[in-house]
Amino acid sequence: MKFMHLADLHIGRRLNEFSMIEDQKHILNRIINIAAEQEVEGIIIAGDVYDRSIPSIEAIEIFENFIEELVKLKIPAYIVSGNHDSGERLSAFSNLISHSGIHISKTYNGKLEPIIYKNTAIWLLPFIRPADVRRYHPDIEIGNYEYAVKKVIDTLDIDESMTNIIVAHQFVTANGKAPELSDSEVSSLGTLDNVDFRVFDKFDYAALGHIHKPQSMGRKEVRYSGSPLKYSFSEVNQKKSASIIEINKKHKINIETYPLEPLHDMREIKGSLIELLKEDKTEDYIHITLTDMGIIDAKSKLETVFPNIMKLDFEEYDSILDDSKSLEKIKEKNIIEYFCEFYKKQTGQEISAQNLEMISELLESSQGDNK
């Protein structure tokens, strides 16, 4: 049997004020094509279907079209809500659409029942917090996420003669080691949200979501599929993929990945304005670090070659901030002097007396408000 494992679609996300809608349409079409070509028997989506708990109409339509294509291909789907989703909204009409093979977890109600496909039991565990579990087990002290997930699993009637897959959206660690994170993910302070990988020992495969880099935790069968698109510049070197797990009759799991080529890649480049303007025009999403300063309207000039500039930095300015000696010099200046220096570096001009007076008045006013 073959299942495709996906997670963290984040449909509807905006990145640096750029809409990712067209990129997401493209990548979901590619996923459909891979699923058809590889003849998968089901698609698992381990949470964060949407980027917001109240998704836009456009985001809902994109996901609806994706699900409609799966139904046409007679490919079942097994979906849980993530921390970005509203479990209640995502699971609306779940009983009705389950007749089409689309199974969506409801919010945790104190019990889980498996979905049986041939000799495989698929358990859908939506993103849970300790309070979600404590509500149904008030007699047990549930102090953190690991205890909460362990309590849920301990209540399951697992038939070990079958292949058991759990779909979950949690922050899973291995022997105290956290997964590799990117800037687009936020981990809670401390270790309260950690769930040790051994909590899933009863399962042949744990299809995880929540972390954007593909990786296994503790054993290869406890695995994050990663997000299908890059959602921050800390992910520029990641190779995004769709994971296909193949299960043989002896419950052995084989994992293969299929590359997902984006509509726009995400890249970081560095150089002088003259150097960068000689580059070939590209539609990629770009983070540019300019090595020269004092350029008026640098962004509009660069956009003739890089129309999708998401971020523009200046190396000299960054090096000033990183240099401890320069930081000491900055501390010696008052805020007006520092503002004048920054203004000149950005525009190549001295600030006018009129604007300087206006800035001084604003600063004095704000300081008075904070007293």
Protein backbone atom coordinates (compact mmCIF):
# COMPACT_ATOMS: atom_id res chain seq x y z
CA MET A 1 0.00 0.00 0.00
CA LYS A 2 1.15 3.53 -0.76
CA PHE A 3 0.24 6.69 1.13
CA MET A 4 1.41 10.23 0.48
CA HIS A 5 2.33 12.19 3.59
CA LEU A 6 1.93 16.00 3.51
CA ALA A 7 1.67 18.72 6.14
CA ASP A 8 1.83 22.47 6.69
CA LEU A 9 0.15 23.63 3.49
CA HIS A 10 -0.59 27.03 5.10
CA ILE A 11 -3.05 27.88 2.34
CA GLY A 12 -3.71 31.62 2.27
CA ARG A 13 -0.33 32.66 3.67
CA ARG A 14 1.15 36.05 2.82
CA LEU A 15 4.93 36.31 3.01
CA ASN A 16 6.54 39.76 3.27
CA GLU A 17 3.26 41.17 1.90
CA PHE A 18 3.40 38.83 -1.12
CA SER A 19 0.39 36.54 -1.61
CA MET A 20 1.41 32.89 -1.96
CA ILE A 21 -1.93 31.87 -3.49
CA GLU A 22 -0.67 31.21 -7.02
CA ASP A 23 2.36 29.35 -5.64
CA GLN A 24 0.05 27.17 -3.57
CA LYS A 25 -2.25 26.42 -6.51
CA HIS A 26 0.80 25.36 -8.52
CA ILE A 27 2.24 23.10 -5.82
CA LEU A 28 -1.11 21.44 -5.07
CA ASN A 29 -1.52 20.64 -8.77
CA ARG A 30 1.96 19.09 -8.74
CA ILE A 31 1.01 17.02 -5.69
CA ILE A 32 -2.11 15.76 -7.48
CA ASN A 33 0.01 14.73 -10.48
CA ILE A 34 2.51 12.84 -8.31
CA ALA A 35 -0.30 11.07 -6.45
CA ALA A 36 -1.85 9.95 -9.74
CA GLU A 37 1.48 8.91 -11.30
CA GLN A 38 2.53 6.90 -8.25
CA GLU A 39 -0.95 5.42 -7.76
CA VAL A 40 -1.12 6.25 -4.08
CA GLU A 41 -4.03 4.81 -2.12
CA GLY A 42 -4.43 7.73 0.23
CA ILE A 43 -3.13 11.19 1.11
CA ILE A 44 -2.33 12.18 4.68
CA ILE A 45 -2.31 15.87 5.64
CA ALA A 46 -0.87 16.34 9.12
CA GLY A 47 -2.26 19.74 10.03
CA ASP A 48 -1.98 23.45 9.22
CA VAL A 49 -4.12 23.13 6.13
CA TYR A 50 -4.78 26.85 6.37
CA ASP A 51 -2.54 29.63 7.60
CA ARG A 52 -5.26 31.20 9.72
CA SER A 53 -8.04 29.88 11.90
CA ILE A 54 -10.48 31.95 9.82
CA PRO A 55 -9.24 31.38 6.26
CA SER A 56 -10.11 33.63 3.35
CA ILE A 57 -12.74 32.59 0.82
CA GLU A 58 -9.97 32.24 -1.76
CA ALA A 59 -8.00 29.88 0.50
CA ILE A 60 -11.09 27.75 1.12
CA GLU A 61 -11.78 27.52 -2.63
CA ILE A 62 -8.20 26.37 -3.32
CA PHE A 63 -8.43 23.59 -0.75
CA GLU A 64 -11.92 22.66 -1.95
CA ASN A 65 -10.61 22.30 -5.53
CA PHE A 66 -7.73 20.15 -4.27
CA ILE A 67 -10.11 17.84 -2.41
CA GLU A 68 -12.43 17.68 -5.42
CA GLU A 69 -9.53 16.43 -7.57
CA LEU A 70 -8.76 13.72 -5.01
CA VAL A 71 -12.40 12.59 -5.07
CA LYS A 72 -12.33 12.43 -8.89
CA LEU A 73 -9.22 10.25 -8.70
CA LYS A 74 -10.84 8.15 -5.94
CA ILE A 75 -7.90 8.85 -3.61
CA PRO A 76 -8.97 8.97 0.06
CA ALA A 77 -7.62 11.73 2.31
CA TYR A 78 -6.87 11.64 6.03
CA ILE A 79 -6.62 15.13 7.51
CA VAL A 80 -6.03 16.58 10.98
CA SER A 81 -6.18 20.18 12.13
CA GLY A 82 -3.00 21.97 13.18
CA ASN A 83 -2.36 24.84 15.55
CA HIS A 84 -3.01 27.34 12.71
CA ASP A 85 -6.37 25.78 11.88
CA SER A 86 -9.72 26.01 13.55
CA GLY A 87 -10.59 22.37 14.18
CA GLU A 88 -14.30 23.19 14.25
CA ARG A 89 -14.25 25.00 10.89
CA LEU A 90 -11.99 22.50 9.17
CA SER A 91 -14.17 19.55 10.21
CA ALA A 92 -17.48 21.13 9.17
CA PHE A 93 -19.52 18.56 7.19
CA SER A 94 -16.86 15.92 7.95
CA ASN A 95 -19.48 13.19 8.44
CA LEU A 96 -21.00 13.98 5.05
CA ILE A 97 -17.78 14.16 3.04
CA SER A 98 -16.38 11.02 4.69
CA HIS A 99 -18.69 9.09 2.32
CA SER A 100 -16.45 10.39 -0.50
CA GLY A 101 -13.35 9.08 1.24
CA ILE A 102 -12.30 12.44 2.75
CA HIS A 103 -11.74 11.97 6.48
CA ILE A 104 -11.14 15.06 8.65
CA SER A 105 -10.54 14.91 12.38
CA LYS A 106 -13.00 16.64 14.63
CA THR A 107 -11.83 18.45 17.74
CA TYR A 108 -10.75 16.02 20.46
CA ASN A 109 -13.81 14.75 22.34
CA GLY A 110 -12.20 12.28 24.72
CA LYS A 111 -11.80 9.38 22.31
CA LEU A 112 -10.38 8.41 18.93
CA GLU A 113 -11.67 5.78 16.55
CA PRO A 114 -9.50 4.45 13.72
CA ILE A 115 -10.36 4.65 10.04
CA ILE A 116 -9.79 1.20 8.59
CA TYR A 117 -8.41 0.82 5.08
CA LYS A 118 -7.64 -2.77 4.09
CA ASN A 119 -5.27 -3.97 6.84
CA THR A 120 -4.32 -0.49 8.02
CA ALA A 121 -5.77 1.48 10.93
CA ILE A 122 -5.34 5.24 10.58
CA TRP A 123 -5.70 7.31 13.75
CA LEU A 124 -6.41 11.03 13.33
CA LEU A 125 -5.17 13.09 16.27
CA PRO A 126 -5.84 16.84 15.86
CA PHE A 127 -3.47 19.33 17.46
CA ILE A 128 -4.11 19.13 21.20
CA ARG A 129 -3.12 21.12 24.25
CA PRO A 130 -3.12 19.74 27.81
CA ALA A 131 -6.38 21.59 28.55
CA ASP A 132 -8.10 19.75 25.66
CA VAL A 133 -7.31 16.40 27.29
CA ARG A 134 -7.75 17.47 30.93
CA ARG A 135 -11.35 18.35 30.10
CA TYR A 136 -12.13 14.66 29.51
CA HIS A 137 -9.81 13.20 32.14
CA PRO A 138 -10.19 15.57 35.12
CA ASP A 139 -9.08 12.88 37.58
CA ILE A 140 -5.57 12.77 36.05
CA GLU A 141 -2.99 15.53 36.39
CA ILE A 142 -1.95 16.48 32.85
CA GLY A 143 0.80 19.04 33.17
CA ASN A 144 2.37 19.18 29.72
CA TYR A 145 1.91 18.20 26.09
CA GLU A 146 3.74 14.88 26.35
CA TYR A 147 1.50 13.68 29.19
CA ALA A 148 -1.54 14.83 27.24
CA VAL A 149 -0.62 12.97 24.03
CA LYS A 150 0.46 9.89 26.01
CA LYS A 151 -2.88 9.84 27.84
CA VAL A 152 -4.79 9.97 24.55
CA ILE A 153 -2.73 7.11 23.09
CA ASP A 154 -3.05 5.01 26.26
CA THR A 155 -6.84 5.07 25.85
CA LEU A 156 -6.70 3.65 22.30
CA ASP A 157 -7.63 0.05 21.55
CA ILE A 158 -4.79 -0.70 19.12
CA ASP A 159 -4.87 -3.95 17.17
CA GLU A 160 -1.19 -4.75 16.65
CA SER A 161 -1.98 -7.35 13.99
CA MET A 162 -2.80 -4.43 11.70
CA THR A 163 -0.55 -1.68 10.39
CA ASN A 164 -1.19 1.34 12.60
CA ILE A 165 -0.59 4.91 11.41
CA ILE A 166 -1.11 7.96 13.59
CA VAL A 167 -1.47 11.42 12.05
CA ALA A 168 -0.47 14.15 14.52
CA HIS A 169 0.53 17.80 14.65
CA GLN A 170 2.83 18.26 17.64
CA PHE A 171 6.37 19.36 18.57
CA VAL A 172 8.16 16.01 18.74
CA THR A 173 11.66 15.61 20.19
CA ALA A 174 14.10 12.69 20.25
CA ASN A 175 16.06 12.06 23.42
CA GLY A 176 15.72 15.70 24.37
CA LYS A 177 16.85 16.93 20.96
CA ALA A 178 14.47 19.29 19.19
CA PRO A 179 13.75 19.12 15.44
CA GLU A 180 15.49 21.59 13.16
CA LEU A 181 13.38 24.74 12.98
CA SER A 182 13.11 27.64 10.56
CA ASP A 183 12.11 31.26 11.13
CA SER A 184 8.56 30.52 9.99
CA GLU A 185 7.97 28.27 13.00
CA VAL A 186 7.58 29.34 16.58
CA SER A 187 8.33 26.98 19.46
CA SER A 188 6.96 27.62 22.93
CA LEU A 189 9.32 28.73 25.64
CA GLY A 190 10.71 25.92 27.77
CA THR A 191 9.84 22.30 27.14
CA LEU A 192 6.14 22.17 27.95
CA ASP A 193 5.13 21.57 24.33
CA ASN A 194 7.67 18.78 23.73
CA VAL A 195 6.44 15.26 22.99
CA ASP A 196 9.07 12.50 23.04
CA PHE A 197 9.08 10.28 19.95
CA ARG A 198 8.72 7.14 22.07
CA VAL A 199 5.13 8.12 22.83
CA PHE A 200 4.42 6.79 19.31
CA ASP A 201 6.11 3.40 19.82
CA LYS A 202 2.85 1.50 19.28
CA PHE A 203 2.53 2.85 15.74
CA ASP A 204 4.22 1.56 12.62
CA TYR A 205 4.32 5.11 11.25
CA ALA A 206 3.72 8.52 12.82
CA ALA A 207 2.86 11.08 10.12
CA LEU A 208 3.80 14.37 11.73
CA GLY A 209 3.14 17.99 10.91
CA HIS A 210 4.23 21.28 12.54
CA ILE A 211 7.89 21.51 11.44
CA HIS A 212 8.71 22.73 7.93
CA LYS A 213 11.93 20.80 7.29
CA PRO A 214 11.53 17.11 6.32
CA GLN A 215 13.12 15.00 9.06
CA SER A 216 12.66 11.92 11.21
CA MET A 217 12.68 11.96 14.99
CA GLY A 218 14.26 9.05 16.89
CA ARG A 219 13.38 6.47 14.24
CA LYS A 220 12.74 6.89 10.54
CA GLU A 221 9.05 6.03 10.92
CA VAL A 222 8.37 9.01 13.21
CA ARG A 223 8.60 11.68 10.56
CA TYR A 224 7.85 15.24 9.60
CA SER A 225 7.07 15.52 5.90
CA GLY A 226 7.89 19.24 5.94
CA SER A 227 6.00 21.99 4.16
CA PRO A 228 5.56 21.78 0.36
CA LEU A 229 6.77 25.38 -0.08
CA LYS A 230 9.47 27.56 1.45
CA TYR A 231 7.87 29.94 3.92
CA SER A 232 10.93 31.88 5.13
CA PHE A 233 14.42 32.75 3.94
CA SER A 234 15.81 30.40 6.58
CA GLU A 235 14.40 27.62 4.37
CA VAL A 236 16.23 28.65 1.15
CA ASN A 237 18.53 25.61 1.24
CA GLN A 238 15.76 23.10 1.97
CA LYS A 239 14.61 20.72 -0.74
CA LYS A 240 10.84 20.54 -0.54
CA SER A 241 9.21 17.24 -1.43
CA ALA A 242 6.18 15.00 -1.22
CA SER A 243 6.76 11.88 0.87
CA ILE A 244 5.34 8.53 -0.19
CA ILE A 245 5.33 5.72 2.35
CA GLU A 246 4.96 2.18 1.12
CA ILE A 247 3.88 -0.55 3.55
CA ASN A 248 4.45 -4.24 2.91
CA LYS A 249 2.59 -7.17 4.42
CA LYS A 250 5.07 -7.42 7.30
CA HIS A 251 4.40 -3.81 8.37
CA LYS A 252 7.75 -2.70 7.01
CA ILE A 253 7.82 0.95 5.93
CA ASN A 254 9.71 2.31 2.94
CA ILE A 255 9.86 6.10 2.47
CA GLU A 256 10.55 7.86 -0.83
CA THR A 257 10.49 11.57 -1.57
CA TYR A 258 9.48 13.28 -4.79
CA PRO A 259 10.78 16.82 -5.42
CA LEU A 260 8.30 19.69 -5.53
CA GLU A 261 9.47 22.42 -7.88
CA PRO A 262 7.89 25.77 -6.91
CA LEU A 263 6.39 28.36 -9.21
CA HIS A 264 8.87 30.85 -7.70
CA ASP A 265 11.96 29.69 -5.88
CA MET A 266 13.19 31.59 -2.82
CA ARG A 267 16.82 32.76 -2.91
CA GLU A 268 19.30 35.02 -1.16
CA ILE A 269 21.85 37.00 -3.19
CA LYS A 270 24.53 39.53 -2.35
CA GLY A 271 26.51 42.09 -4.34
CA SER A 272 26.88 45.67 -5.49
CA LEU A 273 24.13 47.41 -7.43
CA ILE A 274 26.19 47.34 -10.63
CA GLU A 275 26.87 43.60 -10.25
CA LEU A 276 23.27 42.70 -9.51
CA LEU A 277 21.87 44.71 -12.40
CA LYS A 278 23.92 42.51 -14.76
CA GLU A 279 22.10 39.37 -13.57
CA ASP A 280 19.46 37.65 -15.70
CA LYS A 281 15.91 38.71 -14.90
CA THR A 282 14.16 36.29 -12.55
CA GLU A 283 10.69 35.94 -11.02
CA ASP A 284 12.08 34.19 -7.92
CA TYR A 285 11.41 35.58 -4.45
CA ILE A 286 14.63 37.33 -3.50
CA HIS A 287 16.40 38.57 -0.38
CA ILE A 288 19.10 41.00 -1.53
CA THR A 289 22.02 42.23 0.53
CA LEU A 290 23.61 45.26 -1.14
CA THR A 291 27.32 45.75 -0.52
CA ASP A 292 27.29 49.45 -1.39
CA MET A 293 25.51 52.32 0.33
CA GLY A 294 24.17 55.76 -0.39
CA ILE A 295 22.07 54.60 -3.35
CA ILE A 296 18.90 56.55 -3.92
CA ASP A 297 15.85 54.42 -4.74
CA ALA A 298 17.89 51.19 -4.79
CA LYS A 299 14.83 48.94 -4.61
CA SER A 300 13.13 50.35 -7.73
CA LYS A 301 16.37 50.00 -9.69
CA LEU A 302 16.81 46.39 -8.59
CA GLU A 303 13.17 45.55 -9.39
CA THR A 304 13.95 45.91 -13.10
CA VAL A 305 15.86 42.61 -12.74
CA PHE A 306 14.25 41.19 -9.58
CA PRO A 307 10.55 42.15 -9.61
CA ASN A 308 9.83 39.97 -6.56
CA ILE A 309 12.18 41.45 -3.97
CA MET A 310 10.85 40.36 -0.60
CA LYS A 311 13.68 41.79 1.49
CA LEU A 312 16.46 44.33 0.90
CA ASP A 313 19.36 44.84 3.32
CA PHE A 314 22.56 46.87 3.23
CA GLU A 315 25.73 45.03 4.25
CA GLU A 316 27.48 48.12 5.64
CA TYR A 317 24.53 48.92 7.89
CA ASP A 318 24.31 45.32 9.10
CA SER A 319 28.05 45.20 9.80
CA ILE A 320 27.76 48.34 11.92
CA LEU A 321 25.11 46.68 14.02
CA ASP A 322 27.18 43.49 14.34
CA ASP A 323 30.43 45.26 15.28
CA SER A 324 30.68 45.64 19.08
CA LYS A 325 33.09 48.56 18.78
CA SER A 326 30.71 50.38 16.46
CA LEU A 327 27.89 49.65 18.89
CA GLU A 328 29.83 51.44 21.61
CA LYS A 329 30.21 54.43 19.29
CA ILE A 330 26.49 54.37 18.59
CA LYS A 331 25.78 54.47 22.31
CA GLU A 332 27.85 57.66 22.61
CA LYS A 333 25.59 59.48 20.13
CA ASN A 334 22.19 60.86 20.91
CA ILE A 335 19.19 59.60 18.97
CA ILE A 336 19.02 62.69 16.72
CA GLU A 337 22.63 62.23 15.59
CA TYR A 338 22.02 58.55 14.91
CA PHE A 339 18.85 59.30 12.94
CA CYS A 340 20.69 61.88 10.79
CA GLU A 341 23.44 59.36 10.03
CA PHE A 342 20.92 56.66 9.15
CA TYR A 343 18.96 59.06 6.92
CA LYS A 344 22.09 59.97 4.99
CA LYS A 345 23.08 56.32 4.50
CA GLN A 346 19.63 55.47 3.14
CA THR A 347 19.14 58.49 0.88
CA GLY A 348 22.63 59.80 0.17
CA GLN A 349 21.50 63.26 1.31
CA GLU A 350 21.61 65.36 4.45
CA ILE A 351 18.28 65.73 6.23
CA SER A 352 16.72 69.17 5.74
CA ALA A 353 16.46 71.57 8.64
CA GLN A 354 12.65 71.51 8.41
CA ASN A 355 12.49 67.70 8.61
CA LEU A 356 15.06 67.63 11.40
CA GLU A 357 12.95 70.03 13.44
CA MET A 358 9.85 67.89 12.86
CA ILE A 359 11.67 64.71 13.95
CA SER A 360 13.01 66.46 17.05
CA GLU A 361 9.51 67.55 18.05
CA LEU A 362 8.11 64.03 17.53
CA LEU A 363 10.85 62.49 19.66
CA GLU A 364 10.36 65.02 22.44
CA SER A 365 6.62 64.39 22.34
CA SER A 366 7.03 60.60 22.55
CA GLN A 367 9.49 60.89 25.44
CA GLY A 368 7.05 63.10 27.28
CA ASP A 369 4.27 60.52 26.80
CA ASN A 370 6.46 57.79 28.32
CA LYS A 371 7.25 59.75 31.51
